[in-house]
PDB file of N, CA and C in Angstrom:
ATOM      1  N   UNK A   1      15.962 -46.013  92.505  1.00  0.00           N
ATOM      2  CA  UNK A   1      14.976 -46.809  91.796  1.00  0.00           C
ATOM      3  C   UNK A   1      13.583 -46.213  92.035  1.00  0.00           C
ATOM      4  N   UNK A   2      12.792 -46.238  90.988  1.00  0.00           N
ATOM      5  CA  UNK A   2      11.395 -45.824  91.044  1.00  0.00           C
ATOM      6  C   UNK A   2      10.544 -46.990  90.566  1.00  0.00           C
ATOM      7  N   UNK A   3       9.431 -47.229  91.223  1.00  0.00           N
ATOM      8  CA  UNK A   3       8.506 -48.279  90.804  1.00  0.00           C
ATOM      9  C   UNK A   3       7.182 -47.626  90.421  1.00  0.00           C
ATOM     10  N   UNK A   4       6.709 -47.937  89.216  1.00  0.00           N
ATOM     11  CA  UNK A   4       5.478 -47.354  88.705  1.00  0.00           C
ATOM     12  C   UNK A   4       4.517 -48.476  88.320  1.00  0.00           C
ATOM     13  N   UNK A   5       3.277 -48.347  88.777  1.00  0.00           N
ATOM     14  CA  UNK A   5       2.251 -49.333  88.469  1.00  0.00           C
ATOM     15  C   UNK A   5       1.583 -48.980  87.144  1.00  0.00           C
ATOM     16  N   UNK A   6       1.397 -49.979  86.298  1.00  0.00           N
ATOM     17  CA  UNK A   6       0.745 -49.771  85.002  1.00  0.00           C
ATOM     18  C   UNK A   6      -0.769 -49.873  85.146  1.00  0.00           C
ATOM     19  N   UNK A   7      -1.483 -49.446  84.116  1.00  0.00           N
ATOM     20  CA  UNK A   7      -2.942 -49.582  84.140  1.00  0.00           C
ATOM     21  C   UNK A   7      -3.363 -51.044  84.016  1.00  0.00           C
ATOM     22  N   UNK A   8      -2.415 -51.920  83.695  1.00  0.00           N
ATOM     23  CA  UNK A   8      -2.698 -53.347  83.585  1.00  0.00           C
ATOM     24  C   UNK A   8      -2.489 -54.080  84.914  1.00  0.00           C
ATOM     25  N   UNK A   9      -2.121 -53.343  85.964  1.00  0.00           N
ATOM     26  CA  UNK A   9      -2.059 -53.910  87.303  1.00  0.00           C
ATOM     27  C   UNK A   9      -0.705 -54.411  87.758  1.00  0.00           C
ATOM     28  N   UNK A  10       0.309 -54.356  86.934  1.00  0.00           N
ATOM     29  CA  UNK A  10       1.638 -54.789  87.368  1.00  0.00           C
ATOM     30  C   UNK A  10       2.555 -53.578  87.514  1.00  0.00           C
ATOM     31  N   UNK A  11       3.660 -53.762  88.221  1.00  0.00           N
ATOM     32  CA  UNK A  11       4.598 -52.669  88.484  1.00  0.00           C
ATOM     33  C   UNK A  11       5.868 -52.834  87.661  1.00  0.00           C
ATOM     34  N   UNK A  12       6.466 -51.698  87.309  1.00  0.00           N
ATOM     35  CA  UNK A  12       7.701 -51.659  86.529  1.00  0.00           C
ATOM     36  C   UNK A  12       8.766 -50.946  87.356  1.00  0.00           C
ATOM     37  N   UNK A  13       9.943 -51.564  87.508  1.00  0.00           N
ATOM     38  CA  UNK A  13      11.070 -50.944  88.197  1.00  0.00           C
ATOM     39  C   UNK A  13      11.863 -50.113  87.196  1.00  0.00           C
ATOM     40  N   UNK A  14      12.175 -48.872  87.583  1.00  0.00           N
ATOM     41  CA  UNK A  14      12.891 -47.942  86.709  1.00  0.00           C
ATOM     42  C   UNK A  14      14.163 -47.479  87.412  1.00  0.00           C
ATOM     43  N   UNK A  15      15.286 -47.569  86.715  1.00  0.00           N
ATOM     44  CA  UNK A  15      16.586 -47.237  87.285  1.00  0.00           C
ATOM     45  C   UNK A  15      17.236 -46.105  86.511  1.00  0.00           C
ATOM     46  N   UNK A  16      17.897 -45.188  87.231  1.00  0.00           N
ATOM     47  CA  UNK A  16      18.590 -44.068  86.608  1.00  0.00           C
ATOM     48  C   UNK A  16      17.675 -42.861  86.467  1.00  0.00           C
ATOM     49  N   UNK A  17      18.155 -41.862  85.724  1.00  0.00           N
ATOM     50  CA  UNK A  17      17.404 -40.634  85.487  1.00  0.00           C
ATOM     51  C   UNK A  17      16.778 -40.671  84.107  1.00  0.00           C
ATOM     52  N   UNK A  18      15.511 -40.360  84.050  1.00  0.00           N
ATOM     53  CA  UNK A  18      14.790 -40.339  82.781  1.00  0.00           C
ATOM     54  C   UNK A  18      14.672 -38.893  82.302  1.00  0.00           C
ATOM     55  N   UNK A  19      15.260 -38.607  81.140  1.00  0.00           N
ATOM     56  CA  UNK A  19      15.146 -37.290  80.529  1.00  0.00           C
ATOM     57  C   UNK A  19      15.275 -37.434  79.018  1.00  0.00           C
ATOM     58  N   UNK A  20      15.116 -36.339  78.295  1.00  0.00           N
ATOM     59  CA  UNK A  20      15.098 -36.387  76.830  1.00  0.00           C
ATOM     60  C   UNK A  20      16.419 -36.850  76.214  1.00  0.00           C
ATOM     61  N   UNK A  21      17.523 -36.743  76.963  1.00  0.00           N
ATOM     62  CA  UNK A  21      18.836 -37.133  76.430  1.00  0.00           C
ATOM     63  C   UNK A  21      19.203 -38.579  76.737  1.00  0.00           C
ATOM     64  N   UNK A  22      18.426 -39.238  77.576  1.00  0.00           N
ATOM     65  CA  UNK A  22      18.770 -40.585  78.031  1.00  0.00           C
ATOM     66  C   UNK A  22      18.407 -41.646  76.997  1.00  0.00           C
ATOM     67  N   UNK A  23      19.223 -42.682  76.954  1.00  0.00           N
ATOM     68  CA  UNK A  23      18.897 -43.891  76.209  1.00  0.00           C
ATOM     69  C   UNK A  23      18.234 -44.830  77.215  1.00  0.00           C
ATOM     70  N   UNK A  24      17.043 -45.322  76.871  1.00  0.00           N
ATOM     71  CA  UNK A  24      16.273 -46.162  77.785  1.00  0.00           C
ATOM     72  C   UNK A  24      16.322 -47.607  77.307  1.00  0.00           C
ATOM     73  N   UNK A  25      16.806 -48.482  78.183  1.00  0.00           N
ATOM     74  CA  UNK A  25      16.873 -49.911  77.911  1.00  0.00           C
ATOM     75  C   UNK A  25      15.652 -50.575  78.530  1.00  0.00           C
ATOM     76  N   UNK A  26      15.018 -51.475  77.780  1.00  0.00           N
ATOM     77  CA  UNK A  26      13.754 -52.097  78.178  1.00  0.00           C
ATOM     78  C   UNK A  26      13.933 -53.597  78.382  1.00  0.00           C
ATOM     79  N   UNK A  27      13.318 -54.120  79.441  1.00  0.00           N
ATOM     80  CA  UNK A  27      13.264 -55.560  79.676  1.00  0.00           C
ATOM     81  C   UNK A  27      11.802 -55.962  79.776  1.00  0.00           C
ATOM     82  N   UNK A  28      11.427 -56.977  79.009  1.00  0.00           N
ATOM     83  CA  UNK A  28      10.063 -57.471  78.972  1.00  0.00           C
ATOM     84  C   UNK A  28      10.011 -58.898  79.488  1.00  0.00           C
ATOM     85  N   UNK A  29       8.815 -59.353  79.841  1.00  0.00           N
ATOM     86  CA  UNK A  29       8.619 -60.729  80.266  1.00  0.00           C
ATOM     87  C   UNK A  29       9.036 -61.682  79.142  1.00  0.00           C
ATOM     88  N   UNK A  30       8.713 -61.324  77.908  1.00  0.00           N
ATOM     89  CA  UNK A  30       9.157 -62.076  76.737  1.00  0.00           C
ATOM     90  C   UNK A  30      10.426 -61.395  76.220  1.00  0.00           C
ATOM     91  N   UNK A  31      11.565 -62.045  76.421  1.00  0.00           N
ATOM     92  CA  UNK A  31      12.871 -61.445  76.135  1.00  0.00           C
ATOM     93  C   UNK A  31      13.088 -61.087  74.665  1.00  0.00           C
ATOM     94  N   UNK A  32      12.231 -61.571  73.781  1.00  0.00           N
ATOM     95  CA  UNK A  32      12.334 -61.245  72.358  1.00  0.00           C
ATOM     96  C   UNK A  32      12.255 -59.730  72.152  1.00  0.00           C
ATOM     97  N   UNK A  33      11.530 -59.033  73.029  1.00  0.00           N
ATOM     98  CA  UNK A  33      11.300 -57.598  72.873  1.00  0.00           C
ATOM     99  C   UNK A  33      12.309 -56.727  73.626  1.00  0.00           C
ATOM    100  N   UNK A  34      13.232 -57.331  74.370  1.00  0.00           N
ATOM    101  CA  UNK A  34      14.239 -56.560  75.107  1.00  0.00           C
ATOM    102  C   UNK A  34      15.089 -55.733  74.149  1.00  0.00           C
ATOM    103  N   UNK A  35      15.553 -54.579  74.625  1.00  0.00           N
ATOM    104  CA  UNK A  35      16.411 -53.715  73.820  1.00  0.00           C
ATOM    105  C   UNK A  35      16.313 -52.284  74.309  1.00  0.00           C
ATOM    106  N   UNK A  36      16.579 -51.336  73.413  1.00  0.00           N
ATOM    107  CA  UNK A  36      16.442 -49.925  73.785  1.00  0.00           C
ATOM    108  C   UNK A  36      15.393 -49.275  72.891  1.00  0.00           C
ATOM    109  N   UNK A  37      14.823 -48.201  73.392  1.00  0.00           N
ATOM    110  CA  UNK A  37      13.776 -47.509  72.655  1.00  0.00           C
ATOM    111  C   UNK A  37      14.325 -46.287  71.936  1.00  0.00           C
ATOM    112  N   UNK A  38      13.767 -45.994  70.781  1.00  0.00           N
ATOM    113  CA  UNK A  38      14.129 -44.798  70.021  1.00  0.00           C
ATOM    114  C   UNK A  38      13.344 -43.582  70.515  1.00  0.00           C
ATOM    115  N   UNK A  39      12.310 -43.825  71.329  1.00  0.00           N
ATOM    116  CA  UNK A  39      11.497 -42.731  71.860  1.00  0.00           C
ATOM    117  C   UNK A  39      12.263 -41.964  72.934  1.00  0.00           C
ATOM    118  N   UNK A  40      11.879 -40.706  73.133  1.00  0.00           N
ATOM    119  CA  UNK A  40      12.436 -39.913  74.230  1.00  0.00           C
ATOM    120  C   UNK A  40      11.314 -39.597  75.211  1.00  0.00           C
ATOM    121  N   UNK A  41      11.679 -39.498  76.482  1.00  0.00           N
ATOM    122  CA  UNK A  41      10.699 -39.276  77.538  1.00  0.00           C
ATOM    123  C   UNK A  41      11.222 -38.217  78.508  1.00  0.00           C
ATOM    124  N   UNK A  42      10.285 -37.463  79.100  1.00  0.00           N
ATOM    125  CA  UNK A  42      10.643 -36.466  80.106  1.00  0.00           C
ATOM    126  C   UNK A  42      10.684 -37.058  81.505  1.00  0.00           C
ATOM    127  N   UNK A  43       9.976 -38.191  81.710  1.00  0.00           N
ATOM    128  CA  UNK A  43       9.921 -38.801  83.042  1.00  0.00           C
ATOM    129  C   UNK A  43       9.566 -40.281  82.919  1.00  0.00           C
ATOM    130  N   UNK A  44       9.768 -40.998  84.019  1.00  0.00           N
ATOM    131  CA  UNK A  44       9.510 -42.439  84.014  1.00  0.00           C
ATOM    132  C   UNK A  44       8.040 -42.753  83.799  1.00  0.00           C
ATOM    133  N   UNK A  45       7.148 -41.933  84.344  1.00  0.00           N
ATOM    134  CA  UNK A  45       5.719 -42.209  84.213  1.00  0.00           C
ATOM    135  C   UNK A  45       5.299 -42.251  82.739  1.00  0.00           C
ATOM    136  N   UNK A  46       5.766 -41.302  81.947  1.00  0.00           N
ATOM    137  CA  UNK A  46       5.406 -41.294  80.521  1.00  0.00           C
ATOM    138  C   UNK A  46       6.063 -42.452  79.780  1.00  0.00           C
ATOM    139  N   UNK A  47       7.270 -42.826  80.177  1.00  0.00           N
ATOM    140  CA  UNK A  47       7.951 -43.964  79.553  1.00  0.00           C
ATOM    141  C   UNK A  47       7.192 -45.257  79.829  1.00  0.00           C
ATOM    142  N   UNK A  48       6.806 -45.466  81.085  1.00  0.00           N
ATOM    143  CA  UNK A  48       6.079 -46.680  81.452  1.00  0.00           C
ATOM    144  C   UNK A  48       4.733 -46.731  80.734  1.00  0.00           C
ATOM    145  N   UNK A  49       4.049 -45.610  80.666  1.00  0.00           N
ATOM    146  CA  UNK A  49       2.743 -45.577  80.005  1.00  0.00           C
ATOM    147  C   UNK A  49       2.852 -46.022  78.550  1.00  0.00           C
ATOM    148  N   UNK A  50       3.784 -45.437  77.797  1.00  0.00           N
ATOM    149  CA  UNK A  50       3.936 -45.780  76.377  1.00  0.00           C
ATOM    150  C   UNK A  50       4.448 -47.197  76.172  1.00  0.00           C
ATOM    151  N   UNK A  51       5.448 -47.593  76.940  1.00  0.00           N
ATOM    152  CA  UNK A  51       6.069 -48.899  76.721  1.00  0.00           C
ATOM    153  C   UNK A  51       5.225 -50.056  77.258  1.00  0.00           C
ATOM    154  N   UNK A  52       4.401 -49.805  78.269  1.00  0.00           N
ATOM    155  CA  UNK A  52       3.459 -50.837  78.732  1.00  0.00           C
ATOM    156  C   UNK A  52       2.391 -51.081  77.667  1.00  0.00           C
ATOM    157  N   UNK A  53       1.980 -50.035  76.963  1.00  0.00           N
ATOM    158  CA  UNK A  53       1.034 -50.185  75.848  1.00  0.00           C
ATOM    159  C   UNK A  53       1.660 -51.030  74.737  1.00  0.00           C
ATOM    160  N   UNK A  54       2.919 -50.743  74.422  1.00  0.00           N
ATOM    161  CA  UNK A  54       3.645 -51.516  73.415  1.00  0.00           C
ATOM    162  C   UNK A  54       3.698 -52.993  73.827  1.00  0.00           C
ATOM    163  N   UNK A  55       4.019 -53.238  75.097  1.00  0.00           N
ATOM    164  CA  UNK A  55       4.088 -54.611  75.596  1.00  0.00           C
ATOM    165  C   UNK A  55       2.730 -55.294  75.490  1.00  0.00           C
ATOM    166  N   UNK A  56       1.691 -54.598  75.890  1.00  0.00           N
ATOM    167  CA  UNK A  56       0.341 -55.165  75.860  1.00  0.00           C
ATOM    168  C   UNK A  56      -0.072 -55.545  74.431  1.00  0.00           C
ATOM    169  N   UNK A  57       0.229 -54.678  73.475  1.00  0.00           N
ATOM    170  CA  UNK A  57      -0.089 -54.973  72.063  1.00  0.00           C
ATOM    171  C   UNK A  57       0.641 -56.215  71.563  1.00  0.00           C
ATOM    172  N   UNK A  58       1.788 -56.516  72.180  1.00  0.00           N
ATOM    173  CA  UNK A  58       2.590 -57.659  71.752  1.00  0.00           C
ATOM    174  C   UNK A  58       2.440 -58.872  72.663  1.00  0.00           C
ATOM    175  N   UNK A  59       1.481 -58.826  73.576  1.00  0.00           N
ATOM    176  CA  UNK A  59       1.186 -59.988  74.413  1.00  0.00           C
ATOM    177  C   UNK A  59       2.206 -60.286  75.485  1.00  0.00           C
ATOM    178  N   UNK A  60       2.909 -59.273  75.969  1.00  0.00           N
ATOM    179  CA  UNK A  60       3.892 -59.471  77.023  1.00  0.00           C
ATOM    180  C   UNK A  60       3.720 -58.375  78.068  1.00  0.00           C
ATOM    181  N   UNK A  61       4.612 -58.330  79.060  1.00  0.00           N
ATOM    182  CA  UNK A  61       4.592 -57.286  80.086  1.00  0.00           C
ATOM    183  C   UNK A  61       5.949 -56.633  80.173  1.00  0.00           C
ATOM    184  N   UNK A  62       5.932 -55.339  80.427  1.00  0.00           N
ATOM    185  CA  UNK A  62       7.152 -54.574  80.687  1.00  0.00           C
ATOM    186  C   UNK A  62       7.603 -54.882  82.098  1.00  0.00           C
ATOM    187  N   UNK A  63       8.871 -55.237  82.289  1.00  0.00           N
ATOM    188  CA  UNK A  63       9.365 -55.616  83.598  1.00  0.00           C
ATOM    189  C   UNK A  63      10.242 -54.522  84.199  1.00  0.00           C
ATOM    190  N   UNK A  64      11.145 -53.968  83.397  1.00  0.00           N
ATOM    191  CA  UNK A  64      12.127 -53.033  83.929  1.00  0.00           C
ATOM    192  C   UNK A  64      12.583 -52.062  82.868  1.00  0.00           C
ATOM    193  N   UNK A  65      12.872 -50.829  83.289  1.00  0.00           N
ATOM    194  CA  UNK A  65      13.486 -49.825  82.432  1.00  0.00           C
ATOM    195  C   UNK A  65      14.757 -49.316  83.108  1.00  0.00           C
ATOM    196  N   UNK A  66      15.777 -49.033  82.293  1.00  0.00           N
ATOM    197  CA  UNK A  66      17.024 -48.507  82.834  1.00  0.00           C
ATOM    198  C   UNK A  66      17.562 -47.440  81.909  1.00  0.00           C
ATOM    199  N   UNK A  67      18.005 -46.337  82.515  1.00  0.00           N
ATOM    200  CA  UNK A  67      18.539 -45.213  81.763  1.00  0.00           C
ATOM    201  C   UNK A  67      20.060 -45.252  81.793  1.00  0.00           C
ATOM    202  N   UNK A  68      20.682 -44.690  80.747  1.00  0.00           N
ATOM    203  CA  UNK A  68      22.141 -44.579  80.748  1.00  0.00           C
ATOM    204  C   UNK A  68      22.595 -43.296  81.464  1.00  0.00           C
ATOM    205  N   UNK A  69      21.658 -42.542  81.983  1.00  0.00           N
ATOM    206  CA  UNK A  69      21.962 -41.287  82.696  1.00  0.00           C
ATOM    207  C   UNK A  69      22.132 -41.534  84.188  1.00  0.00           C
TER     208      UNK A  69
END
């Protein structure tokens, strides 16, 4: 597990290996947004950065990311 702090002050727990081939499953504070992302990432830091922005635009927080790798 890796924990990464967002620029919004909260931390996101990340499980598995993050790479361009992985499917990333997302959990948000507002479960309406839970699911998987179509984006690809080279590392957890870039995934958290992009997906925390998505969460912020939608008025929620990113809680957890999990890879199928």
